PDB file of N, CA and C in Angstrom:
ATOM      1  N   ILE A   1      -7.623   4.988   8.945  1.00  0.00           N
ATOM      2  CA  ILE A   1      -8.519   4.034   9.581  1.00  0.00           C
ATOM      3  C   ILE A   1      -9.577   4.835  10.323  1.00  0.00           C
ATOM      4  N   ASN A   2     -10.845   4.491  10.100  1.00  0.00           N
ATOM      5  CA  ASN A   2     -11.912   5.253  10.735  1.00  0.00           C
ATOM      6  C   ASN A   2     -12.280   4.678  12.106  1.00  0.00           C
ATOM      7  N   ALA A   3     -13.288   5.260  12.730  1.00  0.00           N
ATOM      8  CA  ALA A   3     -13.677   4.863  14.091  1.00  0.00           C
ATOM      9  C   ALA A   3     -14.138   3.413  14.168  1.00  0.00           C
ATOM     10  N   GLN A   4     -14.637   2.872  13.070  1.00  0.00           N
ATOM     11  CA  GLN A   4     -15.078   1.478  13.058  1.00  0.00           C
ATOM     12  C   GLN A   4     -13.934   0.512  12.760  1.00  0.00           C
ATOM     13  N   GLY A   5     -12.725   1.026  12.612  1.00  0.00           N
ATOM     14  CA  GLY A   5     -11.576   0.187  12.302  1.00  0.00           C
ATOM     15  C   GLY A   5     -11.458  -0.142  10.835  1.00  0.00           C
ATOM     16  N   LEU A   6     -12.193   0.586   9.994  1.00  0.00           N
ATOM     17  CA  LEU A   6     -12.167   0.344   8.564  1.00  0.00           C
ATOM     18  C   LEU A   6     -11.174   1.277   7.884  1.00  0.00           C
ATOM     19  N   VAL A   7     -10.589   0.807   6.820  1.00  0.00           N
ATOM     20  CA  VAL A   7      -9.624   1.604   6.076  1.00  0.00           C
ATOM     21  C   VAL A   7     -10.313   2.188   4.849  1.00  0.00           C
ATOM     22  N   ASP A   8     -10.191   3.508   4.670  1.00  0.00           N
ATOM     23  CA  ASP A   8     -10.719   4.111   3.455  1.00  0.00           C
ATOM     24  C   ASP A   8      -9.671   3.980   2.353  1.00  0.00           C
ATOM     25  N   GLU A   9     -10.030   4.443   1.174  1.00  0.00           N
ATOM     26  CA  GLU A   9      -9.152   4.261   0.018  1.00  0.00           C
ATOM     27  C   GLU A   9      -7.785   4.932   0.207  1.00  0.00           C
ATOM     28  N   LEU A  10      -7.770   6.157   0.667  1.00  0.00           N
ATOM     29  CA  LEU A  10      -6.500   6.851   0.884  1.00  0.00           C
ATOM     30  C   LEU A  10      -5.682   6.145   1.963  1.00  0.00           C
ATOM     31  N   GLY A  11      -6.351   5.704   3.012  1.00  0.00           N
ATOM     32  CA  GLY A  11      -5.658   4.980   4.076  1.00  0.00           C
ATOM     33  C   GLY A  11      -5.051   3.682   3.580  1.00  0.00           C
ATOM     34  N   PHE A  12      -5.779   3.000   2.713  1.00  0.00           N
ATOM     35  CA  PHE A  12      -5.286   1.746   2.157  1.00  0.00           C
ATOM     36  C   PHE A  12      -4.006   1.973   1.362  1.00  0.00           C
ATOM     37  N   VAL A  13      -4.046   2.943   0.468  1.00  0.00           N
ATOM     38  CA  VAL A  13      -2.878   3.221  -0.374  1.00  0.00           C
ATOM     39  C   VAL A  13      -1.712   3.727   0.464  1.00  0.00           C
ATOM     40  N   THR A  14      -1.999   4.503   1.486  1.00  0.00           N
ATOM     41  CA  THR A  14      -0.951   5.042   2.346  1.00  0.00           C
ATOM     42  C   THR A  14      -0.302   3.953   3.194  1.00  0.00           C
ATOM     43  N   LEU A  15      -1.107   3.014   3.672  1.00  0.00           N
ATOM     44  CA  LEU A  15      -0.573   1.931   4.505  1.00  0.00           C
ATOM     45  C   LEU A  15       0.394   1.031   3.745  1.00  0.00           C
ATOM     46  N   LEU A  16       0.110   0.810   2.467  1.00  0.00           N
ATOM     47  CA  LEU A  16       1.000  -0.031   1.671  1.00  0.00           C
ATOM     48  C   LEU A  16       2.256   0.766   1.310  1.00  0.00           C
ATOM     49  N   LYS A  17       3.369   0.260   1.699  1.00  0.00           N
ATOM     50  CA  LYS A  17       4.638   0.955   1.461  1.00  0.00           C
ATOM     51  C   LYS A  17       5.145   0.668   0.050  1.00  0.00           C
ATOM     52  N   THR A  18       5.843   1.655  -0.531  1.00  0.00           N
ATOM     53  CA  THR A  18       6.429   1.494  -1.859  1.00  0.00           C
ATOM     54  C   THR A  18       7.731   0.702  -1.749  1.00  0.00           C
ATOM     55  N   PRO A  19       8.210   0.177  -2.872  1.00  0.00           N
ATOM     56  CA  PRO A  19       9.423  -0.646  -2.849  1.00  0.00           C
ATOM     57  C   PRO A  19      10.622   0.088  -2.246  1.00  0.00           C
ATOM     58  N   VAL A  20      11.458  -0.697  -1.616  1.00  0.00           N
ATOM     59  CA  VAL A  20      12.709  -0.195  -1.059  1.00  0.00           C
ATOM     60  C   VAL A  20      13.841  -0.867  -1.835  1.00  0.00           C
ATOM     61  N   LYS A  21      14.706  -0.059  -2.417  1.00  0.00           N
ATOM     62  CA  LYS A  21      15.826  -0.577  -3.220  1.00  0.00           C
ATOM     63  C   LYS A  21      15.333  -1.563  -4.278  1.00  0.00           C
ATOM     64  N   LYS A  22      14.243  -1.178  -4.960  1.00  0.00           N
ATOM     65  CA  LYS A  22      13.670  -1.951  -6.070  1.00  0.00           C
ATOM     66  C   LYS A  22      13.011  -3.260  -5.626  1.00  0.00           C
ATOM     67  N   ARG A  23      12.925  -3.507  -4.325  1.00  0.00           N
ATOM     68  CA  ARG A  23      12.295  -4.730  -3.833  1.00  0.00           C
ATOM     69  C   ARG A  23      10.928  -4.392  -3.248  1.00  0.00           C
ATOM     70  N   PRO A  24       9.873  -5.060  -3.720  1.00  0.00           N
ATOM     71  CA  PRO A  24       8.541  -4.762  -3.200  1.00  0.00           C
ATOM     72  C   PRO A  24       8.392  -5.191  -1.746  1.00  0.00           C
ATOM     73  N   ILE A  25       7.573  -4.467  -1.021  1.00  0.00           N
ATOM     74  CA  ILE A  25       7.234  -4.830   0.346  1.00  0.00           C
ATOM     75  C   ILE A  25       5.910  -5.570   0.260  1.00  0.00           C
ATOM     76  N   ARG A  26       5.938  -6.845   0.568  1.00  0.00           N
ATOM     77  CA  ARG A  26       4.770  -7.706   0.383  1.00  0.00           C
ATOM     78  C   ARG A  26       3.914  -7.768   1.639  1.00  0.00           C
ATOM     79  N   TYR A  27       2.626  -7.960   1.387  1.00  0.00           N
ATOM     80  CA  TYR A  27       1.643  -8.105   2.459  1.00  0.00           C
ATOM     81  C   TYR A  27       0.844  -9.365   2.197  1.00  0.00           C
ATOM     82  N   ASN A  28       0.592 -10.142   3.226  1.00  0.00           N
ATOM     83  CA  ASN A  28      -0.339 -11.256   3.108  1.00  0.00           C
ATOM     84  C   ASN A  28      -1.740 -10.688   3.218  1.00  0.00           C
ATOM     85  N   VAL A  29      -2.639 -11.203   2.408  1.00  0.00           N
ATOM     86  CA  VAL A  29      -4.024 -10.740   2.424  1.00  0.00           C
ATOM     87  C   VAL A  29      -4.936 -11.963   2.532  1.00  0.00           C
ATOM     88  N   VAL A  30      -5.936 -11.860   3.403  1.00  0.00           N
ATOM     89  CA  VAL A  30      -6.904 -12.938   3.603  1.00  0.00           C
ATOM     90  C   VAL A  30      -8.299 -12.333   3.636  1.00  0.00           C
ATOM     91  N   LEU A  31      -9.202 -12.930   2.872  1.00  0.00           N
ATOM     92  CA  LEU A  31     -10.605 -12.540   2.892  1.00  0.00           C
ATOM     93  C   LEU A  31     -11.397 -13.695   3.487  1.00  0.00           C
ATOM     94  N   THR A  32     -12.150 -13.411   4.543  1.00  0.00           N
ATOM     95  CA  THR A  32     -13.086 -14.383   5.108  1.00  0.00           C
ATOM     96  C   THR A  32     -14.488 -13.796   4.965  1.00  0.00           C
ATOM     97  N   ALA A  33     -15.493 -14.509   5.409  1.00  0.00           N
ATOM     98  CA  ALA A  33     -16.855 -13.981   5.380  1.00  0.00           C
ATOM     99  C   ALA A  33     -16.999 -12.812   6.341  1.00  0.00           C
ATOM    100  N   GLN A  34     -16.113 -12.723   7.336  1.00  0.00           N
ATOM    101  CA  GLN A  34     -16.204 -11.683   8.354  1.00  0.00           C
ATOM    102  C   GLN A  34     -15.315 -10.475   8.111  1.00  0.00           C
ATOM    103  N   GLN A  35     -14.199 -10.652   7.398  1.00  0.00           N
ATOM    104  CA  GLN A  35     -13.230  -9.560   7.339  1.00  0.00           C
ATOM    105  C   GLN A  35     -12.246  -9.697   6.188  1.00  0.00           C
ATOM    106  N   LEU A  36     -11.628  -8.576   5.886  1.00  0.00           N
ATOM    107  CA  LEU A  36     -10.505  -8.514   4.963  1.00  0.00           C
ATOM    108  C   LEU A  36      -9.311  -8.079   5.793  1.00  0.00           C
ATOM    109  N   VAL A  37      -8.266  -8.904   5.807  1.00  0.00           N
ATOM    110  CA  VAL A  37      -7.092  -8.632   6.637  1.00  0.00           C
ATOM    111  C   VAL A  37      -5.864  -8.591   5.749  1.00  0.00           C
ATOM    112  N   PHE A  38      -5.019  -7.587   5.963  1.00  0.00           N
ATOM    113  CA  PHE A  38      -3.712  -7.622   5.319  1.00  0.00           C
ATOM    114  C   PHE A  38      -2.650  -7.289   6.350  1.00  0.00           C
ATOM    115  N   VAL A  39      -1.564  -8.066   6.295  1.00  0.00           N
ATOM    116  CA  VAL A  39      -0.491  -7.983   7.276  1.00  0.00           C
ATOM    117  C   VAL A  39       0.830  -7.992   6.528  1.00  0.00           C
ATOM    118  N   LYS A  40       1.737  -7.113   6.915  1.00  0.00           N
ATOM    119  CA  LYS A  40       3.054  -7.097   6.278  1.00  0.00           C
ATOM    120  C   LYS A  40       3.703  -8.463   6.451  1.00  0.00           C
ATOM    121  N   ASP A  41       4.157  -9.023   5.346  1.00  0.00           N
ATOM    122  CA  ASP A  41       4.785 -10.350   5.362  1.00  0.00           C
ATOM    123  C   ASP A  41       6.251 -10.201   5.734  1.00  0.00           C
ATOM    124  N   ASN A  42       6.517 -10.360   7.009  1.00  0.00           N
ATOM    125  CA  ASN A  42       7.895 -10.239   7.475  1.00  0.00           C
ATOM    126  C   ASN A  42       8.459 -11.586   7.897  1.00  0.00           C
ATOM    127  N   LYS A  43       7.825 -12.643   7.419  1.00  0.00           N
ATOM    128  CA  LYS A  43       8.243 -14.027   7.696  1.00  0.00           C
ATOM    129  C   LYS A  43       8.109 -14.389   9.172  1.00  0.00           C
ATOM    130  N   TRP A  44       7.418 -13.552   9.936  1.00  0.00           N
ATOM    131  CA  TRP A  44       7.150 -13.844  11.333  1.00  0.00           C
ATOM    132  C   TRP A  44       5.861 -14.634  11.397  1.00  0.00           C
ATOM    133  N   ILE A  45       5.722 -15.534  12.322  1.00  0.00           N
ATOM    134  CA  ILE A  45       4.585 -16.448  12.386  1.00  0.00           C
ATOM    135  C   ILE A  45       3.242 -15.716  12.417  1.00  0.00           C
ATOM    136  N   VAL A  46       3.171 -14.564  13.055  1.00  0.00           N
ATOM    137  CA  VAL A  46       1.910 -13.835  13.168  1.00  0.00           C
ATOM    138  C   VAL A  46       1.423 -13.326  11.814  1.00  0.00           C
ATOM    139  N   SER A  47       2.318 -13.171  10.859  1.00  0.00           N
ATOM    140  CA  SER A  47       1.907 -12.651   9.552  1.00  0.00           C
ATOM    141  C   SER A  47       1.391 -13.743   8.622  1.00  0.00           C
ATOM    142  N   LYS A  48       1.361 -14.965   9.063  1.00  0.00           N
ATOM    143  CA  LYS A  48       0.932 -16.070   8.204  1.00  0.00           C
ATOM    144  C   LYS A  48      -0.565 -16.018   7.937  1.00  0.00           C
ATOM    145  N   HIS A  49      -0.980 -16.583   6.792  1.00  0.00           N
ATOM    146  CA  HIS A  49      -2.380 -16.526   6.366  1.00  0.00           C
ATOM    147  C   HIS A  49      -3.336 -17.126   7.393  1.00  0.00           C
ATOM    148  N   ALA A  50      -2.980 -18.271   7.985  1.00  0.00           N
ATOM    149  CA  ALA A  50      -3.889 -18.935   8.926  1.00  0.00           C
ATOM    150  C   ALA A  50      -4.165 -18.059  10.138  1.00  0.00           C
ATOM    151  N   LEU A  51      -3.143 -17.420  10.670  1.00  0.00           N
ATOM    152  CA  LEU A  51      -3.350 -16.565  11.829  1.00  0.00           C
ATOM    153  C   LEU A  51      -4.075 -15.280  11.444  1.00  0.00           C
ATOM    154  N   SER A  52      -3.819 -14.789  10.241  1.00  0.00           N
ATOM    155  CA  SER A  52      -4.499 -13.586   9.780  1.00  0.00           C
ATOM    156  C   SER A  52      -5.998 -13.815   9.616  1.00  0.00           C
ATOM    157  N   SER A  53      -6.382 -15.030   9.267  1.00  0.00           N
ATOM    158  CA  SER A  53      -7.798 -15.338   9.058  1.00  0.00           C
ATOM    159  C   SER A  53      -8.505 -15.627  10.376  1.00  0.00           C
ATOM    160  N   LEU A  54      -7.750 -15.722  11.464  1.00  0.00           N
ATOM    161  CA  LEU A  54      -8.306 -16.102  12.766  1.00  0.00           C
ATOM    162  C   LEU A  54      -9.052 -17.428  12.656  1.00  0.00           C
ATOM    163  N   TYR A  55      -8.573 -18.259  11.744  1.00  0.00           N
ATOM    164  CA  TYR A  55      -9.089 -19.599  11.505  1.00  0.00           C
ATOM    165  C   TYR A  55     -10.528 -19.642  11.007  1.00  0.00           C
ATOM    166  N   HIS A  56     -11.038 -18.516  10.491  1.00  0.00           N
ATOM    167  CA  HIS A  56     -12.308 -18.547   9.776  1.00  0.00           C
ATOM    168  C   HIS A  56     -12.023 -19.089   8.377  1.00  0.00           C
ATOM    169  N   GLU A  57     -13.034 -19.596   7.730  1.00  0.00           N
ATOM    170  CA  GLU A  57     -12.845 -20.121   6.383  1.00  0.00           C
ATOM    171  C   GLU A  57     -12.389 -19.004   5.454  1.00  0.00           C
ATOM    172  N   ALA A  58     -11.254 -19.200   4.842  1.00  0.00           N
ATOM    173  CA  ALA A  58     -10.719 -18.184   3.928  1.00  0.00           C
ATOM    174  C   ALA A  58     -11.389 -18.316   2.569  1.00  0.00           C
ATOM    175  N   ARG A  59     -11.902 -17.200   2.071  1.00  0.00           N
ATOM    176  CA  ARG A  59     -12.471 -17.164   0.722  1.00  0.00           C
ATOM    177  C   ARG A  59     -11.378 -16.847  -0.287  1.00  0.00           C
ATOM    178  N   PHE A  60     -10.354 -16.132   0.171  1.00  0.00           N
ATOM    179  CA  PHE A  60      -9.194 -15.820  -0.660  1.00  0.00           C
ATOM    180  C   PHE A  60      -8.003 -15.630   0.263  1.00  0.00           C
ATOM    181  N   ALA A  61      -6.845 -16.084  -0.170  1.00  0.00           N
ATOM    182  CA  ALA A  61      -5.593 -15.830   0.549  1.00  0.00           C
ATOM    183  C   ALA A  61      -4.494 -15.673  -0.490  1.00  0.00           C
ATOM    184  N   GLY A  62      -3.683 -14.651  -0.309  1.00  0.00           N
ATOM    185  CA  GLY A  62      -2.609 -14.407  -1.262  1.00  0.00           C
ATOM    186  C   GLY A  62      -1.694 -13.310  -0.780  1.00  0.00           C
ATOM    187  N   SER A  63      -1.042 -12.672  -1.727  1.00  0.00           N
ATOM    188  CA  SER A  63      -0.091 -11.597  -1.425  1.00  0.00           C
ATOM    189  C   SER A  63      -0.445 -10.362  -2.227  1.00  0.00           C
ATOM    190  N   MET A  64      -0.012  -9.215  -1.722  1.00  0.00           N
ATOM    191  CA  MET A  64      -0.158  -7.968  -2.473  1.00  0.00           C
ATOM    192  C   MET A  64       1.032  -7.079  -2.172  1.00  0.00           C
ATOM    193  N   TRP A  65       1.318  -6.190  -3.105  1.00  0.00           N
ATOM    194  CA  TRP A  65       2.393  -5.224  -2.941  1.00  0.00           C
ATOM    195  C   TRP A  65       2.136  -4.054  -3.861  1.00  0.00           C
ATOM    196  N   LYS A  66       2.678  -2.911  -3.507  1.00  0.00           N
ATOM    197  CA  LYS A  66       2.514  -1.689  -4.300  1.00  0.00           C
ATOM    198  C   LYS A  66       3.809  -1.421  -5.052  1.00  0.00           C
ATOM    199  N   ASP A  67       3.678  -1.042  -6.316  1.00  0.00           N
ATOM    200  CA  ASP A  67       4.871  -0.712  -7.092  1.00  0.00           C
ATOM    201  C   ASP A  67       5.133   0.796  -7.053  1.00  0.00           C
ATOM    202  N   ASP A  68       6.204   1.219  -7.706  1.00  0.00           N
ATOM    203  CA  ASP A  68       6.590   2.637  -7.709  1.00  0.00           C
ATOM    204  C   ASP A  68       5.520   3.541  -8.324  1.00  0.00           C
ATOM    205  N   ALA A  69       4.701   2.988  -9.207  1.00  0.00           N
ATOM    206  CA  ALA A  69       3.651   3.769  -9.867  1.00  0.00           C
ATOM    207  C   ALA A  69       2.364   3.825  -9.036  1.00  0.00           C
ATOM    208  N   GLY A  70       2.345   3.134  -7.898  1.00  0.00           N
ATOM    209  CA  GLY A  70       1.167   3.144  -7.034  1.00  0.00           C
ATOM    210  C   GLY A  70       0.154   2.057  -7.340  1.00  0.00           C
ATOM    211  N   ARG A  71       0.453   1.209  -8.328  1.00  0.00           N
ATOM    212  CA  ARG A  71      -0.443   0.083  -8.627  1.00  0.00           C
ATOM    213  C   ARG A  71      -0.261  -0.989  -7.559  1.00  0.00           C
ATOM    214  N   VAL A  72      -1.346  -1.674  -7.237  1.00  0.00           N
ATOM    215  CA  VAL A  72      -1.287  -2.742  -6.245  1.00  0.00           C
ATOM    216  C   VAL A  72      -1.387  -4.079  -6.972  1.00  0.00           C
ATOM    217  N   HIS A  73      -0.372  -4.895  -6.798  1.00  0.00           N
ATOM    218  CA  HIS A  73      -0.305  -6.208  -7.433  1.00  0.00           C
ATOM    219  C   HIS A  73      -0.875  -7.249  -6.478  1.00  0.00           C
ATOM    220  N   LEU A  74      -1.617  -8.199  -7.038  1.00  0.00           N
ATOM    221  CA  LEU A  74      -2.240  -9.261  -6.255  1.00  0.00           C
ATOM    222  C   LEU A  74      -1.862 -10.609  -6.844  1.00  0.00           C
ATOM    223  N   ASN A  75      -1.642 -11.594  -5.982  1.00  0.00           N
ATOM    224  CA  ASN A  75      -1.513 -12.968  -6.456  1.00  0.00           C
ATOM    225  C   ASN A  75      -2.186 -13.901  -5.461  1.00  0.00           C
ATOM    226  N   ALA A  76      -2.337 -15.152  -5.851  1.00  0.00           N
ATOM    227  CA  ALA A  76      -3.022 -16.141  -5.021  1.00  0.00           C
ATOM    228  C   ALA A  76      -2.029 -17.065  -4.335  1.00  0.00           C
ATOM    229  N   ALA A  77      -0.899 -16.539  -3.923  1.00  0.00           N
ATOM    230  CA  ALA A  77       0.154 -17.348  -3.312  1.00  0.00           C
ATOM    231  C   ALA A  77      -0.114 -17.547  -1.821  1.00  0.00           C
ATOM    232  N   SER A  78      -0.590 -18.713  -1.463  1.00  0.00           N
ATOM    233  CA  SER A  78      -0.779 -19.067  -0.063  1.00  0.00           C
ATOM    234  C   SER A  78      -0.483 -20.538   0.112  1.00  0.00           C
ATOM    235  N   GLY A  79       0.570 -20.840   0.840  1.00  0.00           N
ATOM    236  CA  GLY A  79       0.889 -22.232   1.128  1.00  0.00           C
ATOM    237  C   GLY A  79      -0.105 -22.854   2.093  1.00  0.00           C
ATOM    238  N   THR A  80      -0.733 -22.027   2.915  1.00  0.00           N
ATOM    239  CA  THR A  80      -1.698 -22.532   3.892  1.00  0.00           C
ATOM    240  C   THR A  80      -3.004 -22.928   3.225  1.00  0.00           C
ATOM    241  N   TYR A  81      -3.560 -22.040   2.405  1.00  0.00           N
ATOM    242  CA  TYR A  81      -4.879 -22.261   1.835  1.00  0.00           C
ATOM    243  C   TYR A  81      -4.860 -22.774   0.404  1.00  0.00           C
ATOM    244  N   LEU A  82      -3.703 -22.759  -0.245  1.00  0.00           N
ATOM    245  CA  LEU A  82      -3.587 -23.234  -1.619  1.00  0.00           C
ATOM    246  C   LEU A  82      -4.702 -22.665  -2.503  1.00  0.00           C
ATOM    247  N   THR A  83      -4.813 -21.351  -2.468  1.00  0.00           N
ATOM    248  CA  THR A  83      -5.841 -20.637  -3.224  1.00  0.00           C
ATOM    249  C   THR A  83      -5.654 -20.875  -4.715  1.00  0.00           C
ATOM    250  N   SER A  84      -6.737 -21.150  -5.406  1.00  0.00           N
ATOM    251  CA  SER A  84      -6.638 -21.385  -6.847  1.00  0.00           C
ATOM    252  C   SER A  84      -6.498 -20.053  -7.571  1.00  0.00           C
ATOM    253  N   PRO A  85      -5.784 -20.038  -8.683  1.00  0.00           N
ATOM    254  CA  PRO A  85      -5.655 -18.805  -9.458  1.00  0.00           C
ATOM    255  C   PRO A  85      -7.009 -18.248  -9.911  1.00  0.00           C
ATOM    256  N   SER A  86      -8.006 -19.115 -10.116  1.00  0.00           N
ATOM    257  CA  SER A  86      -9.317 -18.623 -10.547  1.00  0.00           C
ATOM    258  C   SER A  86      -9.983 -17.788  -9.455  1.00  0.00           C
ATOM    259  N   THR A  87      -9.644 -18.046  -8.200  1.00  0.00           N
ATOM    260  CA  THR A  87     -10.191 -17.254  -7.098  1.00  0.00           C
ATOM    261  C   THR A  87      -9.708 -15.812  -7.188  1.00  0.00           C
ATOM    262  N   LEU A  88      -8.492 -15.622  -7.676  1.00  0.00           N
ATOM    263  CA  LEU A  88      -7.945 -14.282  -7.855  1.00  0.00           C
ATOM    264  C   LEU A  88      -8.813 -13.477  -8.822  1.00  0.00           C
ATOM    265  N   ALA A  89      -9.346 -14.146  -9.832  1.00  0.00           N
ATOM    266  CA  ALA A  89     -10.194 -13.466 -10.815  1.00  0.00           C
ATOM    267  C   ALA A  89     -11.480 -12.937 -10.187  1.00  0.00           C
ATOM    268  N   HIS A  90     -11.890 -13.489  -9.060  1.00  0.00           N
ATOM    269  CA  HIS A  90     -13.067 -12.992  -8.333  1.00  0.00           C
ATOM    270  C   HIS A  90     -12.684 -11.970  -7.275  1.00  0.00           C
ATOM    271  N   PHE A  91     -11.489 -12.121  -6.723  1.00  0.00           N
ATOM    272  CA  PHE A  91     -11.032 -11.228  -5.653  1.00  0.00           C
ATOM    273  C   PHE A  91     -10.678  -9.835  -6.185  1.00  0.00           C
ATOM    274  N   THR A  92     -10.053  -9.773  -7.340  1.00  0.00           N
ATOM    275  CA  THR A  92      -9.623  -8.492  -7.898  1.00  0.00           C
ATOM    276  C   THR A  92     -10.791  -7.528  -8.116  1.00  0.00           C
ATOM    277  N   PRO A  93     -11.915  -7.962  -8.701  1.00  0.00           N
ATOM    278  CA  PRO A  93     -13.048  -7.031  -8.830  1.00  0.00           C
ATOM    279  C   PRO A  93     -13.603  -6.568  -7.483  1.00  0.00           C
ATOM    280  N   LEU A  94     -13.545  -7.425  -6.476  1.00  0.00           N
ATOM    281  CA  LEU A  94     -13.982  -7.012  -5.140  1.00  0.00           C
ATOM    282  C   LEU A  94     -13.104  -5.879  -4.626  1.00  0.00           C
ATOM    283  N   MET A  95     -11.795  -6.034  -4.757  1.00  0.00           N
ATOM    284  CA  MET A  95     -10.868  -4.993  -4.315  1.00  0.00           C
ATOM    285  C   MET A  95     -11.102  -3.702  -5.103  1.00  0.00           C
ATOM    286  N   THR A  96     -11.369  -3.826  -6.400  1.00  0.00           N
ATOM    287  CA  THR A  96     -11.638  -2.652  -7.230  1.00  0.00           C
ATOM    288  C   THR A  96     -12.916  -1.952  -6.779  1.00  0.00           C
ATOM    289  N   SER A  97     -13.918  -2.714  -6.359  1.00  0.00           N
ATOM    290  CA  SER A  97     -15.154  -2.082  -5.890  1.00  0.00           C
ATOM    291  C   SER A  97     -14.950  -1.400  -4.540  1.00  0.00           C
ATOM    292  N   LEU A  98     -14.075  -1.952  -3.695  1.00  0.00           N
ATOM    293  CA  LEU A  98     -13.785  -1.327  -2.401  1.00  0.00           C
ATOM    294  C   LEU A  98     -12.905  -0.092  -2.552  1.00  0.00           C
ATOM    295  N   PHE A  99     -11.970  -0.143  -3.490  1.00  0.00           N
ATOM    296  CA  PHE A  99     -10.998   0.930  -3.691  1.00  0.00           C
ATOM    297  C   PHE A  99     -10.971   1.296  -5.178  1.00  0.00           C
ATOM    298  N   PRO A 100     -12.007   1.998  -5.673  1.00  0.00           N
ATOM    299  CA  PRO A 100     -12.159   2.217  -7.116  1.00  0.00           C
ATOM    300  C   PRO A 100     -11.091   3.077  -7.777  1.00  0.00           C
ATOM    301  N   HIS A 101     -10.344   3.837  -7.024  1.00  0.00           N
ATOM    302  CA  HIS A 101      -9.312   4.684  -7.630  1.00  0.00           C
ATOM    303  C   HIS A 101      -7.930   4.055  -7.595  1.00  0.00           C
ATOM    304  N   VAL A 102      -7.861   2.816  -7.149  1.00  0.00           N
ATOM    305  CA  VAL A 102      -6.596   2.086  -7.106  1.00  0.00           C
ATOM    306  C   VAL A 102      -6.566   1.138  -8.300  1.00  0.00           C
ATOM    307  N   THR A 103      -5.426   1.071  -8.967  1.00  0.00           N
ATOM    308  CA  THR A 103      -5.252   0.129 -10.070  1.00  0.00           C
ATOM    309  C   THR A 103      -4.696  -1.165  -9.516  1.00  0.00           C
ATOM    310  N   PHE A 104      -5.414  -2.261  -9.730  1.00  0.00           N
ATOM    311  CA  PHE A 104      -4.979  -3.589  -9.277  1.00  0.00           C
ATOM    312  C   PHE A 104      -4.483  -4.385 -10.470  1.00  0.00           C
ATOM    313  N   VAL A 105      -3.394  -5.105 -10.266  1.00  0.00           N
ATOM    314  CA  VAL A 105      -2.775  -5.912 -11.307  1.00  0.00           C
ATOM    315  C   VAL A 105      -2.713  -7.347 -10.803  1.00  0.00           C
ATOM    316  N   GLU A 106      -3.315  -8.272 -11.550  1.00  0.00           N
ATOM    317  CA  GLU A 106      -3.251  -9.684 -11.183  1.00  0.00           C
ATOM    318  C   GLU A 106      -1.926 -10.271 -11.652  1.00  0.00           C
ATOM    319  N   GLU A 107      -1.295 -11.013 -10.779  1.00  0.00           N
ATOM    320  CA  GLU A 107      -0.021 -11.669 -11.099  1.00  0.00           C
ATOM    321  C   GLU A 107      -0.152 -13.157 -10.801  1.00  0.00           C
ATOM    322  N   SER A 108       0.414 -13.993 -11.649  1.00  0.00           N
ATOM    323  CA  SER A 108       0.444 -15.420 -11.328  1.00  0.00           C
ATOM    324  C   SER A 108       1.572 -15.634 -10.327  1.00  0.00           C
ATOM    325  N   PHE A 109       1.457 -16.682  -9.561  1.00  0.00           N
ATOM    326  CA  PHE A 109       2.483 -16.986  -8.563  1.00  0.00           C
ATOM    327  C   PHE A 109       3.830 -17.238  -9.239  1.00  0.00           C
ATOM    328  N   VAL A 110       3.812 -17.845 -10.407  1.00  0.00           N
ATOM    329  CA  VAL A 110       5.046 -18.137 -11.137  1.00  0.00           C
ATOM    330  C   VAL A 110       5.777 -16.847 -11.489  1.00  0.00           C
ATOM    331  N   GLU A 111       5.025 -15.810 -11.920  1.00  0.00           N
ATOM    332  CA  GLU A 111       5.637 -14.541 -12.317  1.00  0.00           C
ATOM    333  C   GLU A 111       6.275 -13.831 -11.122  1.00  0.00           C
ATOM    334  N   CYS A 112       5.807 -14.146  -9.901  1.00  0.00           N
ATOM    335  CA  CYS A 112       6.252 -13.434  -8.718  1.00  0.00           C
ATOM    336  C   CYS A 112       7.368 -14.138  -7.986  1.00  0.00           C
ATOM    337  N   ALA A 113       7.648 -15.351  -8.353  1.00  0.00           N
ATOM    338  CA  ALA A 113       8.641 -16.141  -7.617  1.00  0.00           C
ATOM    339  C   ALA A 113      10.046 -15.631  -7.840  1.00  0.00           C
TER     340      ALA A 113
END
């Protein structure tokens, strides 16, 4: 994380933890017009999408996790914002432009359940 509070590519990949005992460590992710926020999803109220967005209009809300190969999986699973799967198709290229050396994999919510 740099002085402006921004995460560079290496910091992003380092912050995301790899699976423990074959179980992915999931993070809630919210994109608003003001910020991109990701919070470890530990089922605690503070990690919920609405609080992560600080109640700004969410452009995207979902989950992400890193696999053993270092790929970052994304889905549009948000009970709060009910993000459409088509929004994921726009969010993934944004993440790729921010972190060009990271491989992102789109997952449907059904595949992740």
